[in-house]
């Protein structure tokens, strides 16, 4: 039996060494699992690191002792810490994220009702960033290549830097004042009509558009100076084929490296923007839970946001490995 186990281990190590893709997936999957475990542990300890009694803080100082003790028992906070940790991990595998300290409503139920609104906002904002920044970056690279149109280049660089430096919540407040309060074109807040999506999405996307378009411009300019682009021009290929089939795919490999950072940065942006527009998503819920000291709900939302960030980074890494397998081989 021991020899069979040793032989299997040797075969697995041999397969990993022969195939860099296997090594990459095993290594990256292990990093993801370890990161999720650290995140879950940190989320679990959140309640226990709060000064004082979190249940007493949530129910108020005037709450009866019997009510506080009953709520602690219902939440399992009267058990030893190790028992609570095991139960918490086991509950996550079954979709049980605990209950609200204030209402006893399951946290998973609260999140499931709020998550679609946040995903709607985030996904549409990401699509807007890609639809605007990629054509804009390529156009600016082509228009300013070789030192041409210095004024246009200076205006684009200055405008993008200024726009990227403005926090999302200030952009949101400015958009509300101009287009909702002054002009009355869009609703001030809420999610009562399709037009209510416009201002939150624009507030989330403007900063990433400014950053992303600058990155794409720089990468496309670098690619346009390569020999294979000169060869494509020598073959008299149409300009749109040169830019779309040769320049852009090669520029996107390096650009995707920073895409994960931009997308994860939008996580914090959704929290701020949702509160400006009173959007019924996780962002407004986490702020309300913090103010009401409902730490069980805060714990669950932080866990959802954290896993989302880790998944985005994992997907970006896999896409990069597919686009540029050589980097995967070097890492292996």
C-alpha atoms as a PDB file:
ATOM      1  CA  UNK A   1       0.000   0.000   0.000  1.00  0.00           C
ATOM      2  CA  UNK A   2       2.814   2.397   0.869  1.00  0.00           C
ATOM      3  CA  UNK A   3       4.614   1.672  -2.375  1.00  0.00           C
ATOM      4  CA  UNK A   4       1.401   2.288  -4.349  1.00  0.00           C
ATOM      5  CA  UNK A   5       0.906   5.649  -2.648  1.00  0.00           C
ATOM      6  CA  UNK A   6       4.521   6.611  -3.308  1.00  0.00           C
ATOM      7  CA  UNK A   7       4.186   5.643  -6.967  1.00  0.00           C
ATOM      8  CA  UNK A   8       1.038   7.751  -7.330  1.00  0.00           C
ATOM      9  CA  UNK A   9       2.757  10.745  -5.752  1.00  0.00           C
ATOM     10  CA  UNK A  10       5.700  10.367  -8.114  1.00  0.00           C
ATOM     11  CA  UNK A  11       3.361  10.182 -11.122  1.00  0.00           C
ATOM     12  CA  UNK A  12       1.510  13.308 -10.002  1.00  0.00           C
ATOM     13  CA  UNK A  13       4.765  15.237  -9.548  1.00  0.00           C
ATOM     14  CA  UNK A  14       5.955  14.010 -12.950  1.00  0.00           C
ATOM     15  CA  UNK A  15       2.736  15.151 -14.626  1.00  0.00           C
ATOM     16  CA  UNK A  16       3.026  18.558 -12.996  1.00  0.00           C
ATOM     17  CA  UNK A  17       6.639  18.967 -14.093  1.00  0.00           C
ATOM     18  CA  UNK A  18       5.875  17.874 -17.653  1.00  0.00           C
ATOM     19  CA  UNK A  19       2.809  20.100 -18.056  1.00  0.00           C
ATOM     20  CA  UNK A  20       3.229  23.718 -16.917  1.00  0.00           C
ATOM     21  CA  UNK A  21      -0.535  24.244 -17.186  1.00  0.00           C
ATOM     22  CA  UNK A  22      -1.156  21.628 -14.503  1.00  0.00           C
ATOM     23  CA  UNK A  23       1.452  23.254 -12.283  1.00  0.00           C
ATOM     24  CA  UNK A  24      -0.080  26.684 -12.874  1.00  0.00           C
ATOM     25  CA  UNK A  25      -3.638  25.546 -12.103  1.00  0.00           C
ATOM     26  CA  UNK A  26      -2.578  23.615  -9.002  1.00  0.00           C
ATOM     27  CA  UNK A  27      -0.507  26.515  -7.698  1.00  0.00           C
ATOM     28  CA  UNK A  28      -3.104  29.192  -8.487  1.00  0.00           C
ATOM     29  CA  UNK A  29      -5.935  27.057  -7.119  1.00  0.00           C
ATOM     30  CA  UNK A  30      -3.987  26.480  -3.917  1.00  0.00           C
ATOM     31  CA  UNK A  31      -3.390  30.218  -3.539  1.00  0.00           C
ATOM     32  CA  UNK A  32      -7.091  30.888  -4.037  1.00  0.00           C
ATOM     33  CA  UNK A  33      -8.135  28.307  -1.427  1.00  0.00           C
ATOM     34  CA  UNK A  34      -5.588  29.649   1.068  1.00  0.00           C
ATOM     35  CA  UNK A  35      -6.763  33.226   0.481  1.00  0.00           C
ATOM     36  CA  UNK A  36     -10.402  32.229   0.972  1.00  0.00           C
ATOM     37  CA  UNK A  37      -9.506  30.466   4.226  1.00  0.00           C
ATOM     38  CA  UNK A  38      -7.682  33.562   5.523  1.00  0.00           C
ATOM     39  CA  UNK A  39     -10.643  35.731   4.508  1.00  0.00           C
ATOM     40  CA  UNK A  40     -13.157  33.438   6.209  1.00  0.00           C
ATOM     41  CA  UNK A  41     -11.060  33.330   9.386  1.00  0.00           C
ATOM     42  CA  UNK A  42     -10.760  37.121   9.442  1.00  0.00           C
ATOM     43  CA  UNK A  43     -14.522  37.479   8.909  1.00  0.00           C
ATOM     44  CA  UNK A  44     -15.200  35.018  11.743  1.00  0.00           C
ATOM     45  CA  UNK A  45     -12.938  36.917  14.142  1.00  0.00           C
ATOM     46  CA  UNK A  46     -14.622  40.207  13.265  1.00  0.00           C
ATOM     47  CA  UNK A  47     -17.393  39.725  15.820  1.00  0.00           C
ATOM     48  CA  UNK A  48     -15.016  38.518  18.534  1.00  0.00           C
ATOM     49  CA  UNK A  49     -12.578  41.426  18.098  1.00  0.00           C
ATOM     50  CA  UNK A  50     -15.285  44.046  18.629  1.00  0.00           C
ATOM     51  CA  UNK A  51     -14.771  45.693  22.045  1.00  0.00           C
ATOM     52  CA  UNK A  52     -17.449  44.704  24.528  1.00  0.00           C
ATOM     53  CA  UNK A  53     -20.461  42.495  23.882  1.00  0.00           C
ATOM     54  CA  UNK A  54     -21.533  42.744  20.210  1.00  0.00           C
ATOM     55  CA  UNK A  55     -25.040  41.465  20.982  1.00  0.00           C
ATOM     56  CA  UNK A  56     -25.493  44.064  23.748  1.00  0.00           C
ATOM     57  CA  UNK A  57     -24.188  46.763  21.373  1.00  0.00           C
ATOM     58  CA  UNK A  58     -26.643  45.711  18.665  1.00  0.00           C
ATOM     59  CA  UNK A  59     -29.708  45.433  20.938  1.00  0.00           C
ATOM     60  CA  UNK A  60     -28.907  48.542  22.955  1.00  0.00           C
ATOM     61  CA  UNK A  61     -27.795  49.174  26.505  1.00  0.00           C
ATOM     62  CA  UNK A  62     -31.383  49.141  27.788  1.00  0.00           C
ATOM     63  CA  UNK A  63     -32.218  45.696  26.383  1.00  0.00           C
ATOM     64  CA  UNK A  64     -33.237  43.138  29.056  1.00  0.00           C
ATOM     65  CA  UNK A  65     -30.552  40.700  30.148  1.00  0.00           C
ATOM     66  CA  UNK A  66     -32.812  37.775  29.278  1.00  0.00           C
ATOM     67  CA  UNK A  67     -33.186  39.011  25.696  1.00  0.00           C
ATOM     68  CA  UNK A  68     -29.416  39.496  25.311  1.00  0.00           C
ATOM     69  CA  UNK A  69     -28.650  36.025  26.662  1.00  0.00           C
ATOM     70  CA  UNK A  70     -31.318  34.424  24.489  1.00  0.00           C
ATOM     71  CA  UNK A  71     -29.968  36.148  21.381  1.00  0.00           C
ATOM     72  CA  UNK A  72     -26.411  35.112  22.240  1.00  0.00           C
ATOM     73  CA  UNK A  73     -27.556  31.507  22.613  1.00  0.00           C
ATOM     74  CA  UNK A  74     -29.506  31.670  19.326  1.00  0.00           C
ATOM     75  CA  UNK A  75     -26.408  32.955  17.535  1.00  0.00           C
ATOM     76  CA  UNK A  76     -24.184  30.352  19.177  1.00  0.00           C
ATOM     77  CA  UNK A  77     -21.970  33.002  20.778  1.00  0.00           C
ATOM     78  CA  UNK A  78     -22.190  31.283  24.157  1.00  0.00           C
ATOM     79  CA  UNK A  79     -20.169  28.326  22.837  1.00  0.00           C
ATOM     80  CA  UNK A  80     -16.347  28.003  23.055  1.00  0.00           C
ATOM     81  CA  UNK A  81     -14.495  29.851  20.305  1.00  0.00           C
ATOM     82  CA  UNK A  82     -13.222  26.665  18.642  1.00  0.00           C
ATOM     83  CA  UNK A  83     -16.748  25.243  18.494  1.00  0.00           C
ATOM     84  CA  UNK A  84     -18.059  28.475  16.994  1.00  0.00           C
ATOM     85  CA  UNK A  85     -15.310  28.433  14.349  1.00  0.00           C
ATOM     86  CA  UNK A  86     -16.051  24.843  13.302  1.00  0.00           C
ATOM     87  CA  UNK A  87     -19.780  25.564  13.163  1.00  0.00           C
ATOM     88  CA  UNK A  88     -19.177  28.722  11.142  1.00  0.00           C
ATOM     89  CA  UNK A  89     -17.012  26.916   8.574  1.00  0.00           C
ATOM     90  CA  UNK A  90     -19.508  24.071   8.347  1.00  0.00           C
ATOM     91  CA  UNK A  91     -22.382  26.511   7.908  1.00  0.00           C
ATOM     92  CA  UNK A  92     -20.671  28.236   4.996  1.00  0.00           C
ATOM     93  CA  UNK A  93     -20.538  24.943   3.092  1.00  0.00           C
ATOM     94  CA  UNK A  94     -24.324  24.697   3.420  1.00  0.00           C
ATOM     95  CA  UNK A  95     -25.016  28.369   2.690  1.00  0.00           C
ATOM     96  CA  UNK A  96     -25.626  29.285   6.340  1.00  0.00           C
ATOM     97  CA  UNK A  97     -23.910  32.600   7.128  1.00  0.00           C
ATOM     98  CA  UNK A  98     -25.558  33.130  10.497  1.00  0.00           C
ATOM     99  CA  UNK A  99     -28.441  35.381  11.518  1.00  0.00           C
ATOM    100  CA  UNK A 100     -28.900  39.096  12.050  1.00  0.00           C
ATOM    101  CA  UNK A 101     -28.325  40.216  15.628  1.00  0.00           C
ATOM    102  CA  UNK A 102     -31.254  42.632  15.385  1.00  0.00           C
ATOM    103  CA  UNK A 103     -33.934  40.776  13.425  1.00  0.00           C
ATOM    104  CA  UNK A 104     -32.739  37.134  13.535  1.00  0.00           C
ATOM    105  CA  UNK A 105     -33.204  37.071   9.746  1.00  0.00           C
ATOM    106  CA  UNK A 106     -30.707  34.762   7.990  1.00  0.00           C
ATOM    107  CA  UNK A 107     -27.755  36.736   6.657  1.00  0.00           C
ATOM    108  CA  UNK A 108     -27.755  34.691   3.461  1.00  0.00           C
ATOM    109  CA  UNK A 109     -31.352  35.779   2.844  1.00  0.00           C
ATOM    110  CA  UNK A 110     -30.462  39.446   3.372  1.00  0.00           C
ATOM    111  CA  UNK A 111     -27.529  39.172   0.983  1.00  0.00           C
ATOM    112  CA  UNK A 112     -29.539  37.301  -1.657  1.00  0.00           C
ATOM    113  CA  UNK A 113     -32.112  40.105  -1.771  1.00  0.00           C
ATOM    114  CA  UNK A 114     -29.484  42.854  -2.043  1.00  0.00           C
ATOM    115  CA  UNK A 115     -26.800  41.213  -4.199  1.00  0.00           C
ATOM    116  CA  UNK A 116     -28.672  41.401  -7.559  1.00  0.00           C
ATOM    117  CA  UNK A 117     -28.898  45.204  -7.354  1.00  0.00           C
ATOM    118  CA  UNK A 118     -25.163  45.511  -6.655  1.00  0.00           C
ATOM    119  CA  UNK A 119     -24.255  43.054  -9.432  1.00  0.00           C
ATOM    120  CA  UNK A 120     -26.486  44.923 -11.873  1.00  0.00           C
ATOM    121  CA  UNK A 121     -24.676  48.159 -11.092  1.00  0.00           C
ATOM    122  CA  UNK A 122     -21.173  46.639 -11.175  1.00  0.00           C
ATOM    123  CA  UNK A 123     -21.608  44.573 -14.357  1.00  0.00           C
ATOM    124  CA  UNK A 124     -23.120  47.448 -16.336  1.00  0.00           C
ATOM    125  CA  UNK A 125     -20.345  49.769 -15.109  1.00  0.00           C
ATOM    126  CA  UNK A 126     -17.657  47.285 -16.219  1.00  0.00           C
ATOM    127  CA  UNK A 127     -19.293  46.943 -19.640  1.00  0.00           C
ATOM    128  CA  UNK A 128     -19.385  50.729 -19.982  1.00  0.00           C
ATOM    129  CA  UNK A 129     -15.697  50.942 -19.049  1.00  0.00           C
ATOM    130  CA  UNK A 130     -14.742  48.397 -21.717  1.00  0.00           C
ATOM    131  CA  UNK A 131     -17.022  49.816 -24.420  1.00  0.00           C
ATOM    132  CA  UNK A 132     -15.659  53.347 -23.948  1.00  0.00           C
ATOM    133  CA  UNK A 133     -12.046  52.968 -22.823  1.00  0.00           C
ATOM    134  CA  UNK A 134     -10.868  50.413 -25.411  1.00  0.00           C
ATOM    135  CA  UNK A 135     -11.968  52.387 -28.530  1.00  0.00           C
ATOM    136  CA  UNK A 136     -10.912  55.645 -26.884  1.00  0.00           C
ATOM    137  CA  UNK A 137      -7.447  54.351 -25.999  1.00  0.00           C
ATOM    138  CA  UNK A 138      -6.861  52.881 -29.467  1.00  0.00           C
ATOM    139  CA  UNK A 139      -8.133  56.041 -31.182  1.00  0.00           C
ATOM    140  CA  UNK A 140      -5.881  58.278 -29.091  1.00  0.00           C
ATOM    141  CA  UNK A 141      -2.884  56.030 -29.776  1.00  0.00           C
ATOM    142  CA  UNK A 142      -3.459  56.153 -33.529  1.00  0.00           C
ATOM    143  CA  UNK A 143      -4.186  59.888 -33.529  1.00  0.00           C
ATOM    144  CA  UNK A 144      -1.118  60.874 -31.460  1.00  0.00           C
ATOM    145  CA  UNK A 145       1.366  58.309 -32.823  1.00  0.00           C
ATOM    146  CA  UNK A 146       4.752  59.701 -33.762  1.00  0.00           C
ATOM    147  CA  UNK A 147       4.346  62.947 -31.804  1.00  0.00           C
ATOM    148  CA  UNK A 148       1.375  64.159 -33.831  1.00  0.00           C
ATOM    149  CA  UNK A 149      -1.411  66.327 -32.388  1.00  0.00           C
ATOM    150  CA  UNK A 150       0.437  67.431 -29.271  1.00  0.00           C
ATOM    151  CA  UNK A 151      -2.509  69.523 -28.117  1.00  0.00           C
ATOM    152  CA  UNK A 152      -4.874  66.568 -28.294  1.00  0.00           C
ATOM    153  CA  UNK A 153      -2.405  64.374 -26.420  1.00  0.00           C
ATOM    154  CA  UNK A 154      -1.932  66.982 -23.683  1.00  0.00           C
ATOM    155  CA  UNK A 155      -5.671  67.522 -23.304  1.00  0.00           C
ATOM    156  CA  UNK A 156      -6.348  63.785 -23.119  1.00  0.00           C
ATOM    157  CA  UNK A 157      -3.586  63.174 -20.574  1.00  0.00           C
ATOM    158  CA  UNK A 158      -4.623  66.125 -18.377  1.00  0.00           C
ATOM    159  CA  UNK A 159      -8.318  65.308 -18.513  1.00  0.00           C
ATOM    160  CA  UNK A 160      -7.806  61.636 -17.719  1.00  0.00           C
ATOM    161  CA  UNK A 161      -5.503  62.376 -14.772  1.00  0.00           C
ATOM    162  CA  UNK A 162      -7.934  64.887 -13.268  1.00  0.00           C
ATOM    163  CA  UNK A 163     -10.928  62.608 -13.797  1.00  0.00           C
ATOM    164  CA  UNK A 164      -9.165  59.598 -12.290  1.00  0.00           C
ATOM    165  CA  UNK A 165      -8.177  61.615  -9.210  1.00  0.00           C
ATOM    166  CA  UNK A 166     -11.758  62.536  -8.271  1.00  0.00           C
ATOM    167  CA  UNK A 167     -13.307  60.053  -5.810  1.00  0.00           C
ATOM    168  CA  UNK A 168     -16.428  58.211  -6.959  1.00  0.00           C
ATOM    169  CA  UNK A 169     -18.661  59.726  -4.306  1.00  0.00           C
ATOM    170  CA  UNK A 170     -17.694  63.278  -5.351  1.00  0.00           C
ATOM    171  CA  UNK A 171     -18.441  62.398  -8.969  1.00  0.00           C
ATOM    172  CA  UNK A 172     -21.758  60.952  -7.835  1.00  0.00           C
ATOM    173  CA  UNK A 173     -22.674  64.090  -5.880  1.00  0.00           C
ATOM    174  CA  UNK A 174     -21.712  66.292  -8.840  1.00  0.00           C
ATOM    175  CA  UNK A 175     -23.742  64.202 -11.278  1.00  0.00           C
ATOM    176  CA  UNK A 176     -26.765  64.312  -8.966  1.00  0.00           C
ATOM    177  CA  UNK A 177     -26.567  68.081  -8.610  1.00  0.00           C
ATOM    178  CA  UNK A 178     -26.169  68.769 -12.338  1.00  0.00           C
ATOM    179  CA  UNK A 179     -28.307  66.140 -14.059  1.00  0.00           C
ATOM    180  CA  UNK A 180     -30.861  65.246 -11.370  1.00  0.00           C
ATOM    181  CA  UNK A 181     -31.408  68.366  -9.246  1.00  0.00           C
ATOM    182  CA  UNK A 182     -30.620  71.198 -11.676  1.00  0.00           C
ATOM    183  CA  UNK A 183     -31.679  69.707 -15.020  1.00  0.00           C
ATOM    184  CA  UNK A 184     -34.098  67.077 -13.767  1.00  0.00           C
ATOM    185  CA  UNK A 185     -33.129  64.561 -16.446  1.00  0.00           C
ATOM    186  CA  UNK A 186     -32.667  61.615 -14.091  1.00  0.00           C
ATOM    187  CA  UNK A 187     -34.058  60.475 -10.713  1.00  0.00           C
ATOM    188  CA  UNK A 188     -32.190  61.767  -7.685  1.00  0.00           C
ATOM    189  CA  UNK A 189     -32.041  58.394  -5.925  1.00  0.00           C
ATOM    190  CA  UNK A 190     -33.557  54.937  -5.722  1.00  0.00           C
ATOM    191  CA  UNK A 191     -34.136  52.198  -8.249  1.00  0.00           C
ATOM    192  CA  UNK A 192     -37.631  52.974  -9.443  1.00  0.00           C
ATOM    193  CA  UNK A 193     -37.015  53.410 -13.192  1.00  0.00           C
ATOM    194  CA  UNK A 194     -34.475  52.361 -15.865  1.00  0.00           C
ATOM    195  CA  UNK A 195     -33.160  55.943 -15.959  1.00  0.00           C
ATOM    196  CA  UNK A 196     -32.145  55.570 -12.306  1.00  0.00           C
ATOM    197  CA  UNK A 197     -29.313  53.301 -13.476  1.00  0.00           C
ATOM    198  CA  UNK A 198     -27.606  55.948 -15.585  1.00  0.00           C
ATOM    199  CA  UNK A 199     -26.043  58.248 -12.992  1.00  0.00           C
ATOM    200  CA  UNK A 200     -24.733  55.503 -10.629  1.00  0.00           C
ATOM    201  CA  UNK A 201     -23.192  53.611 -13.550  1.00  0.00           C
ATOM    202  CA  UNK A 202     -21.542  56.749 -14.937  1.00  0.00           C
ATOM    203  CA  UNK A 203     -20.236  57.694 -11.481  1.00  0.00           C
ATOM    204  CA  UNK A 204     -18.682  54.241 -11.103  1.00  0.00           C
ATOM    205  CA  UNK A 205     -17.249  54.082 -14.620  1.00  0.00           C
ATOM    206  CA  UNK A 206     -15.750  57.545 -15.205  1.00  0.00           C
ATOM    207  CA  UNK A 207     -12.626  57.019 -13.113  1.00  0.00           C
ATOM    208  CA  UNK A 208     -11.793  53.546 -14.503  1.00  0.00           C
ATOM    209  CA  UNK A 209     -12.448  54.808 -18.050  1.00  0.00           C
ATOM    210  CA  UNK A 210      -9.864  57.554 -17.567  1.00  0.00           C
ATOM    211  CA  UNK A 211      -7.249  55.142 -16.188  1.00  0.00           C
ATOM    212  CA  UNK A 212      -7.979  52.265 -18.548  1.00  0.00           C
ATOM    213  CA  UNK A 213      -7.968  54.374 -21.716  1.00  0.00           C
ATOM    214  CA  UNK A 214      -4.564  55.835 -20.819  1.00  0.00           C
ATOM    215  CA  UNK A 215      -3.130  52.367 -20.224  1.00  0.00           C
ATOM    216  CA  UNK A 216      -4.514  51.085 -23.527  1.00  0.00           C
ATOM    217  CA  UNK A 217      -3.117  54.105 -25.372  1.00  0.00           C
ATOM    218  CA  UNK A 218       0.380  53.527 -23.985  1.00  0.00           C
ATOM    219  CA  UNK A 219       0.297  49.799 -24.751  1.00  0.00           C
ATOM    220  CA  UNK A 220      -1.044  50.308 -28.282  1.00  0.00           C
ATOM    221  CA  UNK A 221       1.636  52.921 -28.984  1.00  0.00           C
ATOM    222  CA  UNK A 222       4.264  50.401 -27.876  1.00  0.00           C
ATOM    223  CA  UNK A 223       2.798  47.666 -30.074  1.00  0.00           C
ATOM    224  CA  UNK A 224       2.523  49.956 -33.120  1.00  0.00           C
ATOM    225  CA  UNK A 225       6.297  50.330 -33.093  1.00  0.00           C
ATOM    226  CA  UNK A 226       6.911  46.574 -33.327  1.00  0.00           C
ATOM    227  CA  UNK A 227       8.259  44.834 -36.442  1.00  0.00           C
ATOM    228  CA  UNK A 228       5.158  42.709 -37.064  1.00  0.00           C
ATOM    229  CA  UNK A 229       3.069  45.892 -37.395  1.00  0.00           C
ATOM    230  CA  UNK A 230       5.513  47.208 -40.000  1.00  0.00           C
ATOM    231  CA  UNK A 231       5.211  43.889 -41.812  1.00  0.00           C
ATOM    232  CA  UNK A 232       1.424  44.136 -41.762  1.00  0.00           C
ATOM    233  CA  UNK A 233       1.603  47.639 -43.222  1.00  0.00           C
ATOM    234  CA  UNK A 234       4.047  46.443 -45.864  1.00  0.00           C
ATOM    235  CA  UNK A 235       1.460  43.839 -46.908  1.00  0.00           C
ATOM    236  CA  UNK A 236      -0.974  46.749 -47.428  1.00  0.00           C
ATOM    237  CA  UNK A 237      -3.491  45.431 -44.929  1.00  0.00           C
ATOM    238  CA  UNK A 238      -6.448  47.662 -44.175  1.00  0.00           C
ATOM    239  CA  UNK A 239      -5.820  49.950 -41.175  1.00  0.00           C
ATOM    240  CA  UNK A 240      -8.795  48.584 -39.236  1.00  0.00           C
ATOM    241  CA  UNK A 241      -7.407  45.033 -39.618  1.00  0.00           C
ATOM    242  CA  UNK A 242      -3.975  46.139 -38.395  1.00  0.00           C
ATOM    243  CA  UNK A 243      -5.402  47.816 -35.304  1.00  0.00           C
ATOM    244  CA  UNK A 244      -8.111  45.276 -34.438  1.00  0.00           C
ATOM    245  CA  UNK A 245      -6.375  41.975 -35.305  1.00  0.00           C
ATOM    246  CA  UNK A 246      -2.706  42.737 -34.665  1.00  0.00           C
ATOM    247  CA  UNK A 247      -2.243  45.752 -32.386  1.00  0.00           C
ATOM    248  CA  UNK A 248      -5.133  45.467 -29.916  1.00  0.00           C
ATOM    249  CA  UNK A 249      -4.792  41.746 -28.977  1.00  0.00           C
ATOM    250  CA  UNK A 250      -1.079  42.183 -28.227  1.00  0.00           C
ATOM    251  CA  UNK A 251      -1.725  45.327 -26.211  1.00  0.00           C
ATOM    252  CA  UNK A 252      -4.489  43.722 -24.130  1.00  0.00           C
ATOM    253  CA  UNK A 253      -2.163  41.155 -22.521  1.00  0.00           C
ATOM    254  CA  UNK A 254      -0.340  43.751 -20.455  1.00  0.00           C
ATOM    255  CA  UNK A 255      -3.506  45.790 -19.980  1.00  0.00           C
ATOM    256  CA  UNK A 256      -5.378  42.889 -18.389  1.00  0.00           C
ATOM    257  CA  UNK A 257      -2.765  42.762 -15.633  1.00  0.00           C
ATOM    258  CA  UNK A 258      -4.131  46.031 -14.274  1.00  0.00           C
ATOM    259  CA  UNK A 259      -7.758  45.241 -15.027  1.00  0.00           C
ATOM    260  CA  UNK A 260      -8.068  43.192 -11.845  1.00  0.00           C
ATOM    261  CA  UNK A 261      -6.872  46.157  -9.785  1.00  0.00           C
ATOM    262  CA  UNK A 262      -9.396  48.444 -11.469  1.00  0.00           C
ATOM    263  CA  UNK A 263     -12.254  46.007 -10.974  1.00  0.00           C
ATOM    264  CA  UNK A 264     -11.416  45.368  -7.331  1.00  0.00           C
ATOM    265  CA  UNK A 265     -11.182  49.117  -6.809  1.00  0.00           C
ATOM    266  CA  UNK A 266     -14.755  49.371  -8.056  1.00  0.00           C
ATOM    267  CA  UNK A 267     -15.855  47.248  -5.090  1.00  0.00           C
ATOM    268  CA  UNK A 268     -15.207  50.140  -2.713  1.00  0.00           C
ATOM    269  CA  UNK A 269     -16.728  52.452  -5.297  1.00  0.00           C
ATOM    270  CA  UNK A 270     -20.036  50.586  -5.268  1.00  0.00           C
ATOM    271  CA  UNK A 271     -20.333  51.044  -1.497  1.00  0.00           C
ATOM    272  CA  UNK A 272     -19.892  54.816  -1.767  1.00  0.00           C
ATOM    273  CA  UNK A 273     -21.974  55.311  -4.903  1.00  0.00           C
ATOM    274  CA  UNK A 274     -24.843  53.157  -3.642  1.00  0.00           C
ATOM    275  CA  UNK A 275     -25.119  55.300  -0.523  1.00  0.00           C
ATOM    276  CA  UNK A 276     -25.140  58.534  -2.537  1.00  0.00           C
ATOM    277  CA  UNK A 277     -27.980  57.275  -4.751  1.00  0.00           C
ATOM    278  CA  UNK A 278     -29.770  55.249  -2.022  1.00  0.00           C
ATOM    279  CA  UNK A 279     -29.326  52.191  -4.219  1.00  0.00           C
ATOM    280  CA  UNK A 280     -30.826  49.055  -2.617  1.00  0.00           C
ATOM    281  CA  UNK A 281     -27.649  46.968  -2.813  1.00  0.00           C
ATOM    282  CA  UNK A 282     -25.013  45.535  -0.526  1.00  0.00           C
ATOM    283  CA  UNK A 283     -23.226  48.895  -0.272  1.00  0.00           C
ATOM    284  CA  UNK A 284     -26.100  50.624   1.479  1.00  0.00           C
ATOM    285  CA  UNK A 285     -26.788  47.514   3.536  1.00  0.00           C
ATOM    286  CA  UNK A 286     -23.267  47.297   4.935  1.00  0.00           C
ATOM    287  CA  UNK A 287     -23.305  50.964   5.975  1.00  0.00           C
ATOM    288  CA  UNK A 288     -26.695  50.545   7.664  1.00  0.00           C
ATOM    289  CA  UNK A 289     -25.438  47.413   9.434  1.00  0.00           C
ATOM    290  CA  UNK A 290     -22.302  49.176  10.668  1.00  0.00           C
ATOM    291  CA  UNK A 291     -24.351  52.076  12.035  1.00  0.00           C
ATOM    292  CA  UNK A 292     -26.774  49.701  13.767  1.00  0.00           C
ATOM    293  CA  UNK A 293     -23.895  47.490  14.985  1.00  0.00           C
ATOM    294  CA  UNK A 294     -25.399  44.422  13.292  1.00  0.00           C
ATOM    295  CA  UNK A 295     -22.015  42.729  12.985  1.00  0.00           C
ATOM    296  CA  UNK A 296     -23.365  39.415  11.691  1.00  0.00           C
ATOM    297  CA  UNK A 297     -24.633  41.128   8.535  1.00  0.00           C
ATOM    298  CA  UNK A 298     -21.405  43.104   8.191  1.00  0.00           C
ATOM    299  CA  UNK A 299     -19.481  39.855   8.515  1.00  0.00           C
ATOM    300  CA  UNK A 300     -21.452  38.202   5.710  1.00  0.00           C
ATOM    301  CA  UNK A 301     -21.237  41.153   3.308  1.00  0.00           C
ATOM    302  CA  UNK A 302     -17.486  41.531   3.869  1.00  0.00           C
ATOM    303  CA  UNK A 303     -17.099  37.838   3.087  1.00  0.00           C
ATOM    304  CA  UNK A 304     -19.096  38.186  -0.163  1.00  0.00           C
ATOM    305  CA  UNK A 305     -17.087  41.216  -1.270  1.00  0.00           C
ATOM    306  CA  UNK A 306     -13.804  39.502  -0.423  1.00  0.00           C
ATOM    307  CA  UNK A 307     -14.615  36.296  -2.293  1.00  0.00           C
ATOM    308  CA  UNK A 308     -15.722  38.411  -5.257  1.00  0.00           C
ATOM    309  CA  UNK A 309     -12.362  40.190  -5.344  1.00  0.00           C
ATOM    310  CA  UNK A 310     -10.482  36.880  -5.151  1.00  0.00           C
ATOM    311  CA  UNK A 311     -12.588  35.392  -7.963  1.00  0.00           C
ATOM    312  CA  UNK A 312     -11.938  38.420 -10.196  1.00  0.00           C
ATOM    313  CA  UNK A 313      -8.192  38.090  -9.649  1.00  0.00           C
ATOM    314  CA  UNK A 314      -8.345  34.354 -10.356  1.00  0.00           C
ATOM    315  CA  UNK A 315     -10.255  34.866 -13.618  1.00  0.00           C
ATOM    316  CA  UNK A 316      -7.835  37.586 -14.727  1.00  0.00           C
ATOM    317  CA  UNK A 317      -4.862  35.308 -14.044  1.00  0.00           C
ATOM    318  CA  UNK A 318      -6.419  32.467 -16.058  1.00  0.00           C
ATOM    319  CA  UNK A 319      -7.216  34.795 -18.973  1.00  0.00           C
ATOM    320  CA  UNK A 320      -3.648  36.099 -18.935  1.00  0.00           C
ATOM    321  CA  UNK A 321      -2.331  32.538 -18.934  1.00  0.00           C
ATOM    322  CA  UNK A 322      -4.502  31.709 -21.955  1.00  0.00           C
ATOM    323  CA  UNK A 323      -3.467  34.831 -23.866  1.00  0.00           C
ATOM    324  CA  UNK A 324       0.223  34.467 -23.017  1.00  0.00           C
ATOM    325  CA  UNK A 325       1.073  30.811 -22.191  1.00  0.00           C
ATOM    326  CA  UNK A 326       4.794  31.665 -22.135  1.00  0.00           C
ATOM    327  CA  UNK A 327       4.313  33.579 -18.890  1.00  0.00           C
ATOM    328  CA  UNK A 328       2.702  30.493 -17.379  1.00  0.00           C
ATOM    329  CA  UNK A 329       5.673  28.342 -18.385  1.00  0.00           C
ATOM    330  CA  UNK A 330       8.127  30.833 -16.918  1.00  0.00           C
ATOM    331  CA  UNK A 331       6.220  30.983 -13.631  1.00  0.00           C
ATOM    332  CA  UNK A 332       6.131  27.187 -13.502  1.00  0.00           C
END
